[in-house]
Protein backbone atom coordinates (compact mmCIF):
# COMPACT_ATOMS: atom_id res chain seq x y z
CA MET A 1 98.55 144.40 71.64
CA ASN A 2 95.91 146.94 70.70
CA GLN A 3 94.72 145.83 67.25
CA ILE A 4 92.70 149.00 66.62
CA LYS A 5 95.70 151.19 67.43
CA ILE A 6 97.95 149.02 65.24
CA GLY A 7 95.40 149.19 62.42
CA LYS A 8 95.24 152.98 62.51
CA PHE A 9 99.06 153.11 62.55
CA ILE A 10 99.28 150.84 59.47
CA ALA A 11 96.73 153.05 57.65
CA ALA A 12 98.66 156.22 58.54
CA CYS A 13 101.99 154.72 57.41
CA ARG A 14 100.39 153.50 54.14
CA LYS A 15 99.03 156.96 53.40
CA ASN A 16 102.42 158.52 54.21
CA LYS A 17 103.83 156.27 51.47
CA ASN A 18 101.02 157.38 49.10
CA LEU A 19 99.82 153.81 48.73
CA THR A 20 96.27 152.65 48.33
CA GLN A 21 95.06 149.49 50.06
CA ALA A 22 95.06 147.73 46.70
CA GLU A 23 98.62 148.81 45.93
CA LEU A 24 99.92 147.70 49.32
CA ALA A 25 98.07 144.39 48.94
CA GLU A 26 99.64 143.84 45.52
CA LYS A 27 103.14 144.40 46.93
CA LEU A 28 102.44 141.84 49.67
CA ASN A 29 100.70 139.46 47.24
CA ILE A 30 97.52 139.42 49.34
CA THR A 31 93.99 140.80 48.92
CA ASP A 32 93.02 144.38 49.72
CA LYS A 33 90.36 142.92 52.04
CA ALA A 34 93.16 141.69 54.31
CA ILE A 35 94.59 145.23 54.42
CA SER A 36 91.14 146.58 55.28
CA LYS A 37 90.81 144.09 58.16
CA TRP A 38 94.18 145.17 59.59
CA GLU A 39 93.35 148.87 59.39
CA THR A 40 89.93 148.43 61.04
CA GLY A 41 91.42 146.38 63.88
CA LYS A 42 89.65 143.17 62.80
CA GLY A 43 92.83 141.31 62.07
CA MET A 44 96.63 141.35 62.32
CA PRO A 45 99.36 140.87 59.71
CA ASP A 46 100.65 137.31 59.70
CA SER A 47 104.19 136.93 61.02
CA SER A 48 105.24 135.50 57.62
CA ILE A 49 104.76 138.90 55.92
CA MET A 50 105.35 141.19 58.87
CA LEU A 51 108.98 142.03 57.99
CA GLU A 52 108.06 142.71 54.37
CA LEU A 53 105.24 145.01 55.49
CA CYS A 54 107.60 146.88 57.83
CA ASN A 55 110.12 147.34 54.99
CA ILE A 56 107.44 148.77 52.68
CA LEU A 57 106.10 151.15 55.34
CA ASP A 58 109.64 151.98 56.57
CA ILE A 59 108.92 151.13 60.19
CA SER A 60 110.33 148.58 62.64
CA ALA A 61 108.51 145.48 63.83
CA ASN A 62 108.65 146.95 67.32
CA GLU A 63 106.86 150.10 66.12
CA LEU A 64 104.30 148.02 64.23
CA LEU A 65 103.42 146.00 67.33
CA LYS A 66 103.33 149.19 69.48
CA GLY A 67 101.10 150.94 66.95
CA ASP A 68 103.18 154.13 67.00
CA TYR A 69 106.58 155.55 66.15
CA ILE A 70 109.24 155.11 68.82
CA ALA A 71 111.52 158.07 69.44
CA ASN A 72 115.20 157.40 68.72
CA GLU A 73 114.24 153.92 67.50
CA VAL A 74 117.30 152.20 66.12
CA LYS A 75 116.05 150.09 63.24
CA SER A 76 117.83 146.79 63.29
CA LYS A 77 117.10 143.92 60.95
CA GLU A 78 118.28 141.45 63.59
CA THR A 79 115.97 142.98 66.22
CA ASP A 80 112.99 142.81 63.85
CA GLU A 81 113.80 139.19 63.01
CA ASN A 82 113.97 138.32 66.72
CA ILE A 83 110.56 139.93 67.28
CA VAL A 84 109.08 137.99 64.35
CA ASN A 85 110.66 134.76 65.60
CA ILE A 86 109.08 135.33 69.00
CA LEU A 87 105.71 135.87 67.29
CA ASN A 88 106.20 132.72 65.24
CA GLU A 89 107.03 130.71 68.35
CA TYR A 90 103.96 132.10 70.10
CA LYS A 91 101.91 131.17 67.04
CA ARG A 92 103.33 127.63 67.06
CA MET A 93 102.65 127.26 70.79
CA LYS A 94 99.08 128.48 70.30
CA LYS A 95 98.66 126.05 67.40
CA ARG A 96 100.03 123.17 69.50
CA LYS A 97 97.66 124.14 72.30
CA ASN A 98 94.73 124.09 69.88
CA GLU A 99 95.96 120.79 68.45
CA LEU A 100 96.12 119.36 71.96
CA LYS A 101 92.53 120.47 72.55
CA ILE A 102 91.48 118.82 69.30
CA ILE A 103 93.33 115.63 70.25
CA LEU A 104 91.63 115.56 73.65
CA ILE A 105 88.23 116.08 72.01
CA ILE A 106 88.93 113.29 69.50
CA LEU A 107 90.08 110.96 72.29
CA SER A 108 86.91 111.72 74.27
CA ILE A 109 84.77 110.97 71.21
CA LEU A 110 86.69 107.73 70.62
CA ILE A 111 86.26 106.63 74.24
CA VAL A 112 82.51 107.32 74.11
CA SER A 113 82.25 105.59 70.72
CA ILE A 114 84.11 102.53 72.00
CA ALA A 115 81.85 102.36 75.06
CA VAL A 116 78.72 102.63 72.90
CA THR A 117 80.10 100.04 70.47
CA ILE A 118 80.82 97.61 73.31
CA LYS A 119 77.30 98.13 74.67
CA ILE A 120 75.76 97.60 71.23
CA SER A 121 77.97 94.57 70.61
CA ASN A 122 76.89 93.00 73.89
CA HIS A 123 73.27 93.70 73.00
CA ILE A 124 73.73 92.18 69.55
CA LYS A 125 75.27 89.06 71.06
CA GLU A 126 72.20 88.68 73.23
CA HIS A 127 69.71 89.89 70.60
CA ASN A 128 70.89 89.40 67.04
CA TYR A 129 68.00 91.33 65.54
CA SER A 130 67.45 91.63 61.80
CA THR A 131 64.51 92.22 59.52
CA ILE A 132 62.68 89.22 58.13
CA ASN A 133 61.74 88.86 54.48
CA ILE A 134 58.56 86.78 54.12
CA SER A 135 55.46 86.84 51.93
CA GLN A 136 52.14 88.30 53.06
CA LYS A 137 50.71 84.79 53.25
CA GLU A 138 53.55 83.58 55.48
CA GLU A 139 53.16 86.65 57.69
CA ASP A 140 49.41 86.09 58.09
CA GLU A 141 50.01 82.43 58.94
CA LEU A 142 52.51 83.37 61.65
CA TYR A 143 50.11 85.86 63.23
CA SER A 144 47.21 83.36 63.07
CA LYS A 145 49.33 80.64 64.69
CA CYS A 146 50.34 82.98 67.51
CA LEU A 147 46.81 84.30 68.07
CA GLU A 148 45.45 80.74 68.28
CA PHE A 149 48.20 79.88 70.77
CA PHE A 150 47.29 82.92 72.87
CA ILE A 151 43.59 82.02 72.99
CA ASN A 152 44.24 78.36 73.81
CA ARG A 153 46.73 79.27 76.52
CA HIS A 154 44.36 81.65 78.32
CA SER A 155 41.11 79.77 77.71
CA PRO A 156 41.90 76.21 76.62
CA ASN A 157 38.38 74.81 77.10
CA ILE A 158 36.31 77.49 75.36
CA PHE A 159 35.04 77.90 71.87
CA HIS A 160 36.80 80.64 69.88
CA ILE A 161 34.62 82.59 67.47
CA LYS A 162 36.37 82.83 64.11
CA ASN A 163 33.34 84.05 62.18
CA LYS A 164 29.68 84.83 62.73
CA ASP A 165 28.54 81.52 61.18
CA ASP A 166 29.95 79.44 64.05
CA LYS A 167 27.02 78.15 66.11
CA PRO A 168 27.11 77.22 69.81
CA ASP A 169 25.07 74.60 71.63
CA TYR A 170 22.27 76.75 73.05
CA ASN A 171 21.09 74.08 75.50
CA VAL A 172 24.23 74.17 77.61
CA ALA A 173 25.32 77.57 78.88
CA VAL A 174 28.98 76.65 79.49
CA SER A 175 29.44 75.43 75.92
CA ASP A 176 28.30 78.87 74.76
CA PHE A 177 31.24 80.53 76.54
CA LYS A 178 33.13 82.33 73.78
CA VAL A 179 36.17 84.54 73.38
CA PHE A 180 36.06 87.25 70.75
CA THR A 181 39.39 88.80 69.73
CA ARG A 182 40.70 91.65 67.68
CA MET A 183 44.41 91.67 66.84
CA GLN A 184 46.70 94.32 65.34
CA LYS A 185 50.17 93.54 64.02
CA ILE A 186 53.14 95.17 65.73
CA GLY A 187 55.95 93.41 63.87
CA ILE A 188 57.95 90.31 63.10
CA ILE A 189 61.72 90.18 63.46
CA ARG A 190 64.52 87.62 63.35
CA ASN A 191 66.52 87.08 66.52
CA GLY A 192 69.42 84.77 65.77
CA ASP A 193 67.96 81.44 64.64
CA ASN A 194 64.50 82.32 65.98
CA ILE A 195 61.62 84.41 64.72
CA GLU A 196 59.83 86.75 67.13
CA VAL A 197 56.23 87.84 66.56
CA TYR A 198 54.73 90.83 68.39
CA MET A 199 51.04 91.73 68.38
CA TYR A 200 48.42 93.82 70.17
CA ILE A 201 45.43 91.70 71.26
CA LEU A 202 42.03 92.85 72.50
CA SER A 203 39.97 89.99 74.01
CA GLU A 204 36.47 89.73 75.48
CA SER A 205 34.48 86.67 76.53
CA TYR A 206 30.71 86.13 76.76
CA HIS A 207 28.12 83.43 77.37
CA VAL A 208 24.35 83.14 77.06
CA GLU A 209 22.17 82.37 80.06
CA ASN A 210 18.71 80.83 79.76
CA ASN A 211 19.01 80.94 75.99
CA ASN A 212 18.11 84.61 75.94
CA GLU A 213 20.53 86.73 77.99
CA LEU A 214 24.05 87.66 76.97
CA VAL A 215 26.56 87.94 79.81
CA SER A 216 30.06 89.48 79.60
CA ASP A 217 32.64 87.40 81.46
CA SER A 218 35.99 89.14 81.09
CA GLY A 219 38.16 91.18 78.78
CA GLY A 220 41.50 92.87 78.43
CA VAL A 221 44.46 93.89 76.31
CA SER A 222 47.79 92.07 75.90
CA ILE A 223 51.03 92.70 74.04
CA PRO A 224 52.62 89.25 73.74
CA ARG A 225 55.90 88.10 72.21
CA PHE A 226 56.03 84.69 70.55
CA THR A 227 59.39 83.04 69.84
CA ILE A 228 59.23 80.59 66.94
CA ASN A 229 61.79 78.04 65.83
CA ASP A 230 61.28 75.39 63.16
CA ASN A 231 57.70 76.59 62.75
CA LYS A 232 56.95 75.85 66.43
CA ILE A 233 56.23 78.33 69.23
CA ILE A 234 58.97 77.60 71.75
CA LYS A 235 58.45 80.58 74.06
CA TYR A 236 55.64 82.94 75.03
CA GLU A 237 56.00 86.19 76.99
CA ASP A 238 53.40 88.83 77.77
CA ASN A 239 53.88 92.54 78.46
CA LEU A 240 50.66 93.74 80.05
CA ILE A 241 49.24 97.04 78.88
CA LYS A 242 49.52 98.52 82.38
CA ASP A 243 53.32 98.63 82.08
CA THR A 244 55.09 101.95 81.52
CA ASP A 245 56.51 103.16 78.22
CA ASP A 246 60.04 102.51 79.50
CA GLU A 247 59.18 98.88 80.23
CA LEU A 248 57.47 98.61 76.85
CA LYS A 249 60.60 99.93 75.12
CA LYS A 250 62.66 97.24 76.85
CA PHE A 251 60.15 94.60 75.78
CA LEU A 252 60.08 95.66 72.11
CA PRO A 253 63.29 95.34 70.04
CA ASN A 254 63.20 98.69 68.18
CA LYS A 255 61.61 102.13 68.04
CA GLU A 256 59.51 101.26 64.98
CA MET A 257 57.70 98.53 66.91
CA PHE A 258 57.27 100.81 69.93
CA ASP A 259 55.68 103.49 67.73
CA GLU A 260 53.43 100.87 66.12
CA CYS A 261 52.37 99.64 69.56
CA LYS A 262 51.47 103.18 70.65
CA LYS A 263 49.32 103.53 67.52
CA CYS A 264 47.55 100.32 68.54
CA GLN A 265 46.87 101.74 71.98
CA GLU A 266 45.46 104.92 70.45
CA ASN A 267 43.31 102.77 68.16
CA SER A 268 41.96 100.58 70.97
CA GLN A 269 38.52 102.22 70.99
CA LYS A 270 38.14 101.48 67.29
CA LEU A 271 39.15 97.86 67.89
CA SER A 272 36.68 97.66 70.74
CA GLY A 273 33.89 98.91 68.48
CA GLU A 274 34.76 96.38 65.78
CA LEU A 275 34.79 93.59 68.35
CA ARG A 276 31.35 94.50 69.69
CA ASN A 277 29.94 94.62 66.17
CA GLU A 278 31.14 91.04 65.79
CA VAL A 279 29.47 90.12 69.08
CA LYS A 280 26.17 91.68 67.99
CA LYS A 281 26.24 89.83 64.66
CA HIS A 282 26.99 86.50 66.28
CA TYR A 283 24.32 86.81 68.97
CA SER A 284 21.72 88.23 66.60
CA TYR A 285 19.46 85.24 67.39
CA LEU A 286 18.82 86.56 70.92
CA PRO A 287 15.36 88.05 71.67
CA LYS A 288 15.01 91.72 70.74
CA LYS A 289 12.72 92.65 73.67
CA GLU A 290 15.70 94.34 75.31
CA ASP A 291 19.16 95.33 74.18
CA VAL A 292 21.20 93.04 76.38
CA LEU A 293 24.44 94.47 74.99
CA ILE A 294 23.76 97.75 76.76
CA HIS A 295 25.10 96.18 79.96
CA ILE A 296 28.52 95.55 78.43
CA ASP A 297 31.20 98.01 79.41
CA THR A 298 32.25 99.64 76.15
CA ASP A 299 35.20 101.55 77.57
CA ILE A 300 38.40 99.54 77.71
CA GLU A 301 41.12 101.32 79.61
CA THR A 302 44.30 101.11 77.61
CA ASN A 303 46.45 101.39 80.73
CA GLN A 304 44.82 98.52 82.61
CA MET A 305 44.53 94.76 82.23
CA ILE A 306 41.82 92.51 83.59
CA ASN A 307 43.78 89.48 84.65
CA ASN A 308 41.03 86.86 84.71
CA ILE A 309 40.92 86.08 80.98
């Protein structure tokens, strides 16, 4: 069917009947905009009003669909009804076809949704994550407990500097071996009956030789996970900073913690500066004849880990 040709034919027939678009629309109980769409070829009369339109314009349904008068056309109501019935059936078939497409799309969405739900359910069974509601004091205590555990695990026989007033035994070099740390919080979350604590830790160790020279021993960055149950650390895992973002995402339970961890990595130079300020304050008793701290590497690579902490 040529809609433009049919539209022009409808317009010509309407004018032959001395009808305006508004008048024809009123007879059909539709808007004049619908008439305008037909006559410009942008739409077609619905089969439900096609016979009524043909009666008003004094044409047959066959002529309407051809878009022109048919010579010796025998106008038959039965013929017109058969044509309209065929159009209705075609319309129903097209609707069923569209419905089938919609059903297939819905089924596809359901299948994908079920698959995702099963995957999420399996993950939840293994990791029943939820947020944890604790006070600031309780949060600080958890982080302090985990940081102390970390230091004792990696360097059980050394003295950990908590503040600049702690004094070492200057007569024995080994007893002056100290670990300085800077920690940033990544997050705390509940996993079933356990609590998991994640943090970003920057560590560096030093000792004094001959009571006047500061020596850097080791340093590095760690992203550990501490599992706590009944206020006791029952499991410790460490994701080294050299790992890729994909491995880090697997290690951390949600995107928020991953984003927080990336901020920590970006902030590592600031942490390093704060740590060295603490070192300078603590070892302020050393002779000033030379700046011994100048020999300390101040650049900590955020994508590497020195494994001899």
